[in-house]
Amino acid sequence: HVERGFVEVVANLVYELDPNGTRLRVVSYTDYSAETIKRLATNAVDLRAKWSSAEQRAAIIAALESRGVSLERLVDMSGDPDVDPFDLLCNLAFQAPLRSRRERSDQLRQQHKFFNKFSPKARQILLEILDKYVEHGLTQFKIPEVLKIPPIVQHGNPLEISRKFGGEKQLRSALSQLQTMLYTG
């Protein structure tokens, strides 16, 4: 159930019933998704500001899903499994160019100022997490799960890894900053 009525996805079309339940509108899934995205953010800058926060990103994804918009389906429909979901949403709603996770990662890796704030071991862990993002997407930023997969687990258990950052709070802060930097610019 959405603000304007009930929505059901059938193939690549959406049949949307108006709030009174009297008129049926047929729209493509991508057009419906673009309209839904525009209801959540007025432009790409607004969406970027919300998306760079893990909590707000989760809220956006949940809001899209509650309205029948699946990021996985949109990625499948794009034909490019390496596209970053944020860029896909911006492309659909605001005609922004598509960028891959690799492109975002490469851009961030050039931000020496960010990575130089960390010890060499902590920097290595952040770079390995960034590699996991390139391979598998945003799910790789979940703590403690990300700390338990290769090659990150080779740095020790989650407690030992967090000590390389100065503690759990600093580790969480570093990952939050990494995600924010990933969507800057």
N, C-alpha and C. Protein backbone atom coordinates (compact mmCIF):
# COMPACT_ATOMS: atom_id res chain seq x y z
N HIS A 1 0.85 -1.19 0.00
CA HIS A 1 0.00 0.00 0.00
C HIS A 1 0.88 1.24 0.00
N VAL A 2 0.62 2.17 -0.89
CA VAL A 2 1.41 3.40 -0.99
C VAL A 2 0.50 4.60 -0.82
N GLU A 3 1.09 5.81 -0.84
CA GLU A 3 0.32 7.03 -0.60
C GLU A 3 -0.86 7.18 -1.55
N ARG A 4 -0.68 6.80 -2.81
CA ARG A 4 -1.71 7.07 -3.80
C ARG A 4 -2.55 5.86 -4.16
N GLY A 5 -2.48 4.81 -3.44
CA GLY A 5 -3.28 3.64 -3.76
C GLY A 5 -2.48 2.37 -3.62
N PHE A 6 -2.98 1.30 -4.21
CA PHE A 6 -2.34 -0.01 -4.13
C PHE A 6 -1.53 -0.25 -5.39
N VAL A 7 -0.36 -0.87 -5.24
CA VAL A 7 0.53 -1.12 -6.38
C VAL A 7 0.83 -2.60 -6.45
N GLU A 8 0.82 -3.13 -7.69
CA GLU A 8 1.21 -4.51 -7.91
C GLU A 8 2.13 -4.54 -9.12
N VAL A 9 3.29 -5.21 -8.98
CA VAL A 9 4.24 -5.31 -10.08
C VAL A 9 3.94 -6.58 -10.86
N VAL A 10 3.73 -6.42 -12.17
CA VAL A 10 3.49 -7.55 -13.07
C VAL A 10 4.43 -7.37 -14.24
N ALA A 11 5.35 -8.32 -14.43
CA ALA A 11 6.38 -8.23 -15.48
C ALA A 11 7.13 -6.92 -15.30
N ASN A 12 7.25 -6.10 -16.33
CA ASN A 12 7.94 -4.82 -16.21
C ASN A 12 6.96 -3.67 -16.20
N LEU A 13 5.72 -3.96 -15.83
CA LEU A 13 4.69 -2.93 -15.74
C LEU A 13 4.18 -2.87 -14.32
N VAL A 14 3.72 -1.70 -13.94
CA VAL A 14 3.11 -1.52 -12.63
C VAL A 14 1.67 -1.08 -12.89
N TYR A 15 0.75 -1.76 -12.24
CA TYR A 15 -0.65 -1.37 -12.29
C TYR A 15 -0.93 -0.66 -10.97
N GLU A 16 -1.26 0.60 -11.07
CA GLU A 16 -1.43 1.42 -9.87
C GLU A 16 -2.87 1.89 -9.80
N LEU A 17 -3.51 1.63 -8.68
CA LEU A 17 -4.88 2.05 -8.44
C LEU A 17 -4.86 3.36 -7.70
N ASP A 18 -5.71 4.31 -8.12
CA ASP A 18 -5.73 5.60 -7.45
C ASP A 18 -6.28 5.46 -6.02
N PRO A 19 -6.15 6.49 -5.18
CA PRO A 19 -6.57 6.38 -3.78
C PRO A 19 -8.04 6.01 -3.60
N ASN A 20 -8.89 6.38 -4.56
CA ASN A 20 -10.32 6.06 -4.46
C ASN A 20 -10.61 4.63 -4.91
N GLY A 21 -9.63 3.99 -5.54
CA GLY A 21 -9.82 2.64 -6.02
C GLY A 21 -10.67 2.56 -7.26
N THR A 22 -10.74 3.65 -8.02
CA THR A 22 -11.61 3.68 -9.18
C THR A 22 -10.89 3.70 -10.52
N ARG A 23 -9.65 4.16 -10.54
CA ARG A 23 -8.94 4.30 -11.81
C ARG A 23 -7.62 3.54 -11.77
N LEU A 24 -7.36 2.79 -12.82
CA LEU A 24 -6.14 2.01 -12.92
C LEU A 24 -5.20 2.70 -13.89
N ARG A 25 -3.95 2.83 -13.48
CA ARG A 25 -2.93 3.44 -14.33
C ARG A 25 -1.85 2.40 -14.56
N VAL A 26 -1.42 2.25 -15.81
CA VAL A 26 -0.36 1.30 -16.16
C VAL A 26 0.88 2.12 -16.50
N VAL A 27 1.98 1.79 -15.84
CA VAL A 27 3.24 2.51 -16.04
C VAL A 27 4.39 1.50 -16.01
N SER A 28 5.45 1.78 -16.72
CA SER A 28 6.60 0.87 -16.69
C SER A 28 7.21 0.86 -15.29
N TYR A 29 7.83 -0.24 -14.96
CA TYR A 29 8.44 -0.40 -13.65
C TYR A 29 9.51 0.68 -13.41
N THR A 30 10.30 0.96 -14.43
CA THR A 30 11.37 1.97 -14.27
C THR A 30 10.77 3.37 -14.10
N ASP A 31 9.71 3.69 -14.84
CA ASP A 31 9.06 5.00 -14.66
C ASP A 31 8.43 5.11 -13.27
N TYR A 32 7.77 4.04 -12.83
CA TYR A 32 7.19 4.03 -11.49
C TYR A 32 8.29 4.20 -10.45
N SER A 33 9.41 3.51 -10.65
CA SER A 33 10.53 3.62 -9.71
C SER A 33 11.07 5.04 -9.66
N ALA A 34 11.21 5.67 -10.83
CA ALA A 34 11.70 7.05 -10.89
C ALA A 34 10.76 7.99 -10.15
N GLU A 35 9.46 7.82 -10.33
CA GLU A 35 8.49 8.65 -9.62
C GLU A 35 8.60 8.46 -8.11
N THR A 36 8.79 7.22 -7.70
CA THR A 36 8.90 6.90 -6.28
C THR A 36 10.16 7.52 -5.69
N ILE A 37 11.26 7.45 -6.41
CA ILE A 37 12.52 8.04 -5.95
C ILE A 37 12.35 9.56 -5.79
N LYS A 38 11.69 10.19 -6.75
CA LYS A 38 11.48 11.64 -6.71
C LYS A 38 10.61 12.05 -5.53
N ARG A 39 9.76 11.16 -5.04
CA ARG A 39 8.97 11.46 -3.85
C ARG A 39 9.83 11.42 -2.58
N LEU A 40 10.94 10.68 -2.64
CA LEU A 40 11.83 10.56 -1.48
C LEU A 40 12.93 11.61 -1.47
N ALA A 41 13.30 12.11 -2.65
CA ALA A 41 14.37 13.11 -2.76
C ALA A 41 14.03 14.02 -3.95
N THR A 42 14.23 15.30 -3.76
CA THR A 42 13.85 16.26 -4.80
C THR A 42 14.84 16.32 -5.95
N ASN A 43 16.10 15.97 -5.70
CA ASN A 43 17.12 16.00 -6.75
C ASN A 43 18.27 15.08 -6.34
N ALA A 44 19.26 14.94 -7.22
CA ALA A 44 20.39 14.04 -6.96
C ALA A 44 21.20 14.49 -5.74
N VAL A 45 21.33 15.78 -5.54
CA VAL A 45 22.10 16.29 -4.39
C VAL A 45 21.39 15.90 -3.09
N ASP A 46 20.07 16.04 -3.06
CA ASP A 46 19.29 15.66 -1.88
C ASP A 46 19.41 14.16 -1.62
N LEU A 47 19.31 13.37 -2.68
CA LEU A 47 19.44 11.92 -2.52
C LEU A 47 20.83 11.55 -2.04
N ARG A 48 21.88 12.20 -2.57
CA ARG A 48 23.26 11.92 -2.15
C ARG A 48 23.45 12.23 -0.66
N ALA A 49 22.89 13.35 -0.21
CA ALA A 49 23.02 13.73 1.20
C ALA A 49 22.39 12.67 2.11
N LYS A 50 21.27 12.14 1.70
CA LYS A 50 20.60 11.11 2.49
C LYS A 50 21.32 9.76 2.36
N TRP A 51 21.74 9.43 1.15
CA TRP A 51 22.34 8.12 0.86
C TRP A 51 23.68 7.93 1.56
N SER A 52 24.43 9.00 1.77
CA SER A 52 25.77 8.84 2.35
C SER A 52 25.72 8.47 3.84
N SER A 53 24.57 8.58 4.47
CA SER A 53 24.41 8.13 5.85
C SER A 53 23.83 6.72 5.81
N ALA A 54 24.49 5.79 6.48
CA ALA A 54 24.04 4.39 6.47
C ALA A 54 22.60 4.25 6.98
N GLU A 55 22.26 5.00 8.02
CA GLU A 55 20.91 4.92 8.58
C GLU A 55 19.87 5.46 7.60
N GLN A 56 20.18 6.62 7.01
CA GLN A 56 19.23 7.20 6.06
C GLN A 56 19.15 6.36 4.79
N ARG A 57 20.26 5.78 4.38
CA ARG A 57 20.25 4.90 3.21
C ARG A 57 19.33 3.71 3.46
N ALA A 58 19.44 3.13 4.64
CA ALA A 58 18.58 1.99 4.99
C ALA A 58 17.11 2.43 4.98
N ALA A 59 16.83 3.63 5.44
CA ALA A 59 15.45 4.15 5.45
C ALA A 59 14.94 4.34 4.01
N ILE A 60 15.80 4.83 3.13
CA ILE A 60 15.41 5.02 1.73
C ILE A 60 15.12 3.67 1.09
N ILE A 61 16.00 2.71 1.31
CA ILE A 61 15.80 1.37 0.73
C ILE A 61 14.51 0.75 1.24
N ALA A 62 14.26 0.90 2.55
CA ALA A 62 13.02 0.37 3.13
C ALA A 62 11.80 1.08 2.55
N ALA A 63 11.88 2.40 2.38
CA ALA A 63 10.77 3.16 1.81
C ALA A 63 10.50 2.73 0.37
N LEU A 64 11.58 2.51 -0.40
CA LEU A 64 11.40 2.04 -1.78
C LEU A 64 10.74 0.66 -1.79
N GLU A 65 11.25 -0.23 -0.96
CA GLU A 65 10.70 -1.59 -0.92
C GLU A 65 9.24 -1.59 -0.49
N SER A 66 8.89 -0.73 0.46
CA SER A 66 7.50 -0.68 0.91
C SER A 66 6.57 -0.18 -0.20
N ARG A 67 7.14 0.49 -1.18
CA ARG A 67 6.37 0.99 -2.32
C ARG A 67 6.53 0.10 -3.56
N GLY A 68 7.14 -1.07 -3.36
CA GLY A 68 7.25 -2.04 -4.45
C GLY A 68 8.45 -1.86 -5.35
N VAL A 69 9.44 -1.06 -4.93
CA VAL A 69 10.64 -0.83 -5.73
C VAL A 69 11.80 -1.61 -5.11
N SER A 70 12.34 -2.55 -5.88
CA SER A 70 13.43 -3.40 -5.41
C SER A 70 14.73 -2.99 -6.08
N LEU A 71 15.75 -2.68 -5.28
CA LEU A 71 17.05 -2.34 -5.85
C LEU A 71 17.62 -3.50 -6.66
N GLU A 72 17.45 -4.72 -6.14
CA GLU A 72 17.97 -5.89 -6.85
C GLU A 72 17.33 -6.01 -8.24
N ARG A 73 16.04 -5.80 -8.29
CA ARG A 73 15.34 -5.89 -9.58
C ARG A 73 15.80 -4.79 -10.53
N LEU A 74 15.96 -3.57 -10.00
CA LEU A 74 16.43 -2.47 -10.85
C LEU A 74 17.83 -2.74 -11.39
N VAL A 75 18.70 -3.28 -10.54
CA VAL A 75 20.06 -3.62 -10.98
C VAL A 75 19.98 -4.69 -12.07
N ASP A 76 19.14 -5.71 -11.85
CA ASP A 76 18.97 -6.75 -12.87
C ASP A 76 18.46 -6.16 -14.18
N MET A 77 17.51 -5.27 -14.10
CA MET A 77 16.93 -4.65 -15.30
C MET A 77 17.94 -3.75 -16.02
N SER A 78 18.89 -3.19 -15.25
CA SER A 78 19.89 -2.31 -15.86
C SER A 78 20.85 -3.09 -16.76
N GLY A 79 21.00 -4.38 -16.48
CA GLY A 79 21.92 -5.20 -17.25
C GLY A 79 23.37 -5.05 -16.82
N ASP A 80 23.61 -4.27 -15.78
CA ASP A 80 24.98 -4.04 -15.30
C ASP A 80 25.05 -4.39 -13.81
N PRO A 81 25.48 -5.60 -13.48
CA PRO A 81 25.51 -6.01 -12.07
C PRO A 81 26.51 -5.23 -11.22
N ASP A 82 27.42 -4.49 -11.87
CA ASP A 82 28.43 -3.74 -11.12
C ASP A 82 28.04 -2.29 -10.86
N VAL A 83 26.85 -1.89 -11.32
CA VAL A 83 26.42 -0.51 -11.11
C VAL A 83 26.17 -0.27 -9.62
N ASP A 84 26.54 0.92 -9.17
CA ASP A 84 26.26 1.28 -7.78
C ASP A 84 24.78 1.62 -7.68
N PRO A 85 24.08 1.09 -6.67
CA PRO A 85 22.64 1.35 -6.55
C PRO A 85 22.29 2.84 -6.47
N PHE A 86 23.11 3.62 -5.79
CA PHE A 86 22.85 5.07 -5.72
C PHE A 86 22.85 5.68 -7.12
N ASP A 87 23.84 5.34 -7.90
CA ASP A 87 23.94 5.89 -9.25
C ASP A 87 22.79 5.41 -10.13
N LEU A 88 22.35 4.20 -9.91
CA LEU A 88 21.20 3.69 -10.66
C LEU A 88 19.94 4.49 -10.32
N LEU A 89 19.73 4.75 -9.03
CA LEU A 89 18.57 5.54 -8.61
C LEU A 89 18.63 6.95 -9.20
N CYS A 90 19.82 7.56 -9.14
CA CYS A 90 19.98 8.91 -9.70
C CYS A 90 19.79 8.91 -11.21
N ASN A 91 20.23 7.86 -11.87
CA ASN A 91 20.05 7.76 -13.31
C ASN A 91 18.56 7.67 -13.67
N LEU A 92 17.84 6.84 -12.94
CA LEU A 92 16.42 6.66 -13.22
C LEU A 92 15.63 7.95 -12.97
N ALA A 93 15.88 8.57 -11.83
CA ALA A 93 15.06 9.70 -11.42
C ALA A 93 15.54 11.04 -11.96
N PHE A 94 16.86 11.20 -12.08
CA PHE A 94 17.40 12.53 -12.40
C PHE A 94 18.33 12.53 -13.61
N GLN A 95 18.35 11.44 -14.37
CA GLN A 95 19.16 11.29 -15.58
C GLN A 95 20.65 11.52 -15.34
N ALA A 96 21.13 11.19 -14.17
CA ALA A 96 22.57 11.29 -13.85
C ALA A 96 23.28 10.10 -14.51
N PRO A 97 24.58 10.25 -14.79
CA PRO A 97 25.31 9.13 -15.42
C PRO A 97 25.45 7.94 -14.47
N LEU A 98 25.48 6.76 -15.05
CA LEU A 98 25.70 5.54 -14.27
C LEU A 98 27.18 5.39 -13.96
N ARG A 99 27.47 4.98 -12.73
CA ARG A 99 28.85 4.70 -12.33
C ARG A 99 28.88 3.34 -11.66
N SER A 100 29.98 2.65 -11.85
CA SER A 100 30.13 1.33 -11.24
C SER A 100 30.71 1.50 -9.83
N ARG A 101 30.61 0.42 -9.06
CA ARG A 101 31.21 0.42 -7.73
C ARG A 101 32.73 0.57 -7.86
N ARG A 102 33.31 -0.01 -8.89
CA ARG A 102 34.76 0.12 -9.11
C ARG A 102 35.13 1.59 -9.32
N GLU A 103 34.36 2.32 -10.12
CA GLU A 103 34.65 3.74 -10.36
C GLU A 103 34.59 4.53 -9.05
N ARG A 104 33.58 4.25 -8.24
CA ARG A 104 33.46 4.95 -6.96
C ARG A 104 34.65 4.61 -6.06
N SER A 105 35.00 3.33 -6.03
CA SER A 105 36.12 2.88 -5.20
C SER A 105 37.43 3.53 -5.66
N ASP A 106 37.68 3.54 -6.96
CA ASP A 106 38.92 4.13 -7.48
C ASP A 106 39.00 5.62 -7.14
N GLN A 107 37.89 6.30 -7.24
CA GLN A 107 37.87 7.73 -6.90
C GLN A 107 38.21 7.93 -5.42
N LEU A 108 37.63 7.10 -4.57
CA LEU A 108 37.90 7.21 -3.14
C LEU A 108 39.34 6.86 -2.79
N ARG A 109 39.90 5.88 -3.44
CA ARG A 109 41.29 5.48 -3.17
C ARG A 109 42.28 6.61 -3.42
N GLN A 110 41.91 7.54 -4.26
CA GLN A 110 42.79 8.68 -4.54
C GLN A 110 42.74 9.74 -3.46
N GLN A 111 41.85 9.56 -2.49
CA GLN A 111 41.71 10.51 -1.38
C GLN A 111 42.73 10.17 -0.29
N HIS A 112 43.99 10.40 -0.57
CA HIS A 112 45.06 10.05 0.37
C HIS A 112 44.85 10.73 1.72
N LYS A 113 44.30 11.91 1.70
CA LYS A 113 44.07 12.65 2.94
C LYS A 113 43.20 11.84 3.90
N PHE A 114 42.18 11.18 3.36
CA PHE A 114 41.31 10.35 4.21
C PHE A 114 42.07 9.14 4.75
N PHE A 115 42.71 8.39 3.89
CA PHE A 115 43.36 7.15 4.31
C PHE A 115 44.60 7.41 5.17
N ASN A 116 45.27 8.54 4.98
CA ASN A 116 46.47 8.84 5.76
C ASN A 116 46.18 9.12 7.23
N LYS A 117 44.92 9.27 7.59
CA LYS A 117 44.54 9.48 8.99
C LYS A 117 44.68 8.20 9.81
N PHE A 118 44.83 7.08 9.13
CA PHE A 118 44.82 5.79 9.81
C PHE A 118 46.20 5.15 9.78
N SER A 119 46.43 4.27 10.75
CA SER A 119 47.68 3.51 10.78
C SER A 119 47.73 2.62 9.53
N PRO A 120 48.92 2.16 9.15
CA PRO A 120 49.02 1.30 7.97
C PRO A 120 48.12 0.06 8.04
N LYS A 121 48.02 -0.57 9.22
CA LYS A 121 47.19 -1.77 9.35
C LYS A 121 45.71 -1.41 9.23
N ALA A 122 45.28 -0.33 9.85
CA ALA A 122 43.88 0.11 9.76
C ALA A 122 43.56 0.51 8.32
N ARG A 123 44.49 1.19 7.67
CA ARG A 123 44.31 1.60 6.27
C ARG A 123 44.13 0.37 5.39
N GLN A 124 44.94 -0.66 5.62
CA GLN A 124 44.84 -1.90 4.85
C GLN A 124 43.46 -2.54 5.01
N ILE A 125 42.95 -2.55 6.23
CA ILE A 125 41.62 -3.12 6.49
C ILE A 125 40.55 -2.32 5.74
N LEU A 126 40.64 -1.00 5.77
CA LEU A 126 39.67 -0.17 5.05
C LEU A 126 39.73 -0.43 3.55
N LEU A 127 40.92 -0.57 3.02
CA LEU A 127 41.07 -0.85 1.59
C LEU A 127 40.51 -2.23 1.23
N GLU A 128 40.67 -3.19 2.12
CA GLU A 128 40.12 -4.52 1.87
C GLU A 128 38.59 -4.50 1.93
N ILE A 129 38.04 -3.70 2.84
CA ILE A 129 36.58 -3.55 2.91
C ILE A 129 36.08 -2.87 1.63
N LEU A 130 36.83 -1.90 1.15
CA LEU A 130 36.49 -1.24 -0.11
C LEU A 130 36.51 -2.23 -1.27
N ASP A 131 37.48 -3.14 -1.26
CA ASP A 131 37.52 -4.20 -2.29
C ASP A 131 36.27 -5.08 -2.22
N LYS A 132 35.83 -5.39 -1.00
CA LYS A 132 34.62 -6.20 -0.82
C LYS A 132 33.40 -5.44 -1.33
N TYR A 133 33.34 -4.14 -1.13
CA TYR A 133 32.25 -3.31 -1.66
C TYR A 133 32.22 -3.42 -3.19
N VAL A 134 33.40 -3.35 -3.83
CA VAL A 134 33.47 -3.44 -5.29
C VAL A 134 32.92 -4.79 -5.75
N GLU A 135 33.26 -5.85 -5.04
CA GLU A 135 32.82 -7.19 -5.42
C GLU A 135 31.34 -7.44 -5.14
N HIS A 136 30.87 -6.98 -3.96
CA HIS A 136 29.55 -7.41 -3.50
C HIS A 136 28.57 -6.28 -3.16
N GLY A 137 29.01 -5.05 -3.13
CA GLY A 137 28.09 -3.94 -2.86
C GLY A 137 28.06 -3.49 -1.41
N LEU A 138 27.03 -2.72 -1.10
CA LEU A 138 26.93 -2.04 0.19
C LEU A 138 26.80 -2.96 1.39
N THR A 139 26.40 -4.19 1.18
CA THR A 139 26.24 -5.11 2.31
C THR A 139 27.56 -5.35 3.02
N GLN A 140 28.66 -4.98 2.40
CA GLN A 140 29.97 -5.23 2.97
C GLN A 140 30.36 -4.25 4.08
N PHE A 141 29.49 -3.31 4.39
CA PHE A 141 29.82 -2.34 5.43
C PHE A 141 29.19 -2.68 6.78
N LYS A 142 28.62 -3.85 6.90
CA LYS A 142 27.97 -4.24 8.15
C LYS A 142 28.99 -4.79 9.13
N ILE A 143 28.98 -4.21 10.32
CA ILE A 143 29.85 -4.68 11.40
C ILE A 143 28.98 -5.52 12.32
N PRO A 144 29.39 -6.64 12.83
CA PRO A 144 30.72 -7.24 12.77
C PRO A 144 30.91 -8.20 11.59
N GLU A 145 29.86 -8.41 10.78
CA GLU A 145 29.93 -9.42 9.72
C GLU A 145 31.14 -9.23 8.81
N VAL A 146 31.39 -7.99 8.38
CA VAL A 146 32.49 -7.73 7.44
C VAL A 146 33.85 -8.09 8.04
N LEU A 147 33.95 -8.06 9.36
CA LEU A 147 35.22 -8.36 10.02
C LEU A 147 35.50 -9.86 10.11
N LYS A 148 34.51 -10.65 9.73
CA LYS A 148 34.64 -12.11 9.84
C LYS A 148 34.85 -12.81 8.51
N ILE A 149 35.04 -12.04 7.44
CA ILE A 149 35.22 -12.65 6.12
C ILE A 149 36.65 -12.42 5.63
N PRO A 150 37.14 -13.34 4.79
CA PRO A 150 38.48 -13.15 4.23
C PRO A 150 38.50 -11.97 3.28
N PRO A 151 39.53 -11.24 3.19
CA PRO A 151 40.80 -11.36 3.89
C PRO A 151 40.83 -10.59 5.21
N ILE A 152 39.74 -9.90 5.55
CA ILE A 152 39.73 -9.05 6.75
C ILE A 152 39.94 -9.88 8.01
N VAL A 153 39.38 -11.08 8.07
CA VAL A 153 39.50 -11.93 9.24
C VAL A 153 40.96 -12.28 9.55
N GLN A 154 41.82 -12.19 8.56
CA GLN A 154 43.24 -12.49 8.77
C GLN A 154 43.92 -11.47 9.67
N HIS A 155 43.26 -10.34 9.89
CA HIS A 155 43.82 -9.31 10.77
C HIS A 155 43.47 -9.55 12.23
N GLY A 156 42.70 -10.60 12.51
CA GLY A 156 42.33 -10.93 13.87
C GLY A 156 40.82 -10.99 14.04
N ASN A 157 40.40 -11.20 15.28
CA ASN A 157 38.97 -11.22 15.57
C ASN A 157 38.45 -9.77 15.60
N PRO A 158 37.14 -9.58 15.68
CA PRO A 158 36.61 -8.20 15.65
C PRO A 158 37.21 -7.27 16.72
N LEU A 159 37.47 -7.80 17.91
CA LEU A 159 38.06 -6.98 18.96
C LEU A 159 39.48 -6.54 18.58
N GLU A 160 40.26 -7.48 18.07
CA GLU A 160 41.63 -7.16 17.65
C GLU A 160 41.64 -6.16 16.50
N ILE A 161 40.72 -6.33 15.58
CA ILE A 161 40.63 -5.40 14.45
C ILE A 161 40.23 -4.01 14.93
N SER A 162 39.27 -3.95 15.83
CA SER A 162 38.84 -2.63 16.33
C SER A 162 39.97 -1.92 17.07
N ARG A 163 40.85 -2.67 17.71
CA ARG A 163 41.99 -2.06 18.39
C ARG A 163 42.94 -1.38 17.41
N LYS A 164 43.00 -1.87 16.18
CA LYS A 164 43.86 -1.25 15.16
C LYS A 164 43.35 0.16 14.79
N PHE A 165 42.09 0.43 15.13
CA PHE A 165 41.49 1.73 14.88
C PHE A 165 41.42 2.58 16.15
N GLY A 166 41.79 1.99 17.28
CA GLY A 166 41.71 2.70 18.55
C GLY A 166 40.47 2.36 19.34
N GLY A 167 39.73 1.37 18.88
CA GLY A 167 38.53 0.93 19.59
C GLY A 167 37.35 0.78 18.65
N GLU A 168 36.27 0.19 19.19
CA GLU A 168 35.09 -0.08 18.38
C GLU A 168 34.45 1.21 17.87
N LYS A 169 34.37 2.21 18.70
CA LYS A 169 33.76 3.48 18.29
C LYS A 169 34.52 4.10 17.11
N GLN A 170 35.84 4.06 17.18
CA GLN A 170 36.65 4.62 16.10
C GLN A 170 36.53 3.79 14.82
N LEU A 171 36.43 2.46 14.96
CA LEU A 171 36.23 1.60 13.80
C LEU A 171 34.91 1.93 13.12
N ARG A 172 33.85 2.04 13.91
CA ARG A 172 32.53 2.38 13.34
C ARG A 172 32.57 3.75 12.68
N SER A 173 33.26 4.67 13.31
CA SER A 173 33.39 6.01 12.74
C SER A 173 34.15 5.97 11.41
N ALA A 174 35.22 5.19 11.37
CA ALA A 174 36.02 5.07 10.13
C ALA A 174 35.17 4.49 9.00
N LEU A 175 34.38 3.45 9.29
CA LEU A 175 33.52 2.87 8.26
C LEU A 175 32.43 3.84 7.82
N SER A 176 31.90 4.59 8.75
CA SER A 176 30.89 5.60 8.42
C SER A 176 31.49 6.67 7.52
N GLN A 177 32.69 7.13 7.86
CA GLN A 177 33.38 8.12 7.04
C GLN A 177 33.70 7.56 5.65
N LEU A 178 34.10 6.29 5.60
CA LEU A 178 34.40 5.65 4.33
C LEU A 178 33.16 5.66 3.42
N GLN A 179 32.02 5.32 3.99
CA GLN A 179 30.78 5.31 3.22
C GLN A 179 30.40 6.72 2.76
N THR A 180 30.56 7.69 3.64
CA THR A 180 30.25 9.07 3.28
C THR A 180 31.16 9.54 2.15
N MET A 181 32.45 9.24 2.28
CA MET A 181 33.41 9.64 1.25
C MET A 181 33.12 8.94 -0.09
N LEU A 182 32.62 7.73 -0.03
CA LEU A 182 32.30 6.98 -1.23
C LEU A 182 31.28 7.71 -2.09
N TYR A 183 30.38 8.46 -1.45
CA TYR A 183 29.32 9.15 -2.17
C TYR A 183 29.51 10.66 -2.23
N THR A 184 30.70 11.13 -1.90
CA THR A 184 31.00 12.54 -2.03
C THR A 184 31.49 12.80 -3.44
N GLY A 185 30.86 13.72 -4.09
CA GLY A 185 31.30 14.10 -5.43
C GLY A 185 30.98 13.18 -6.53
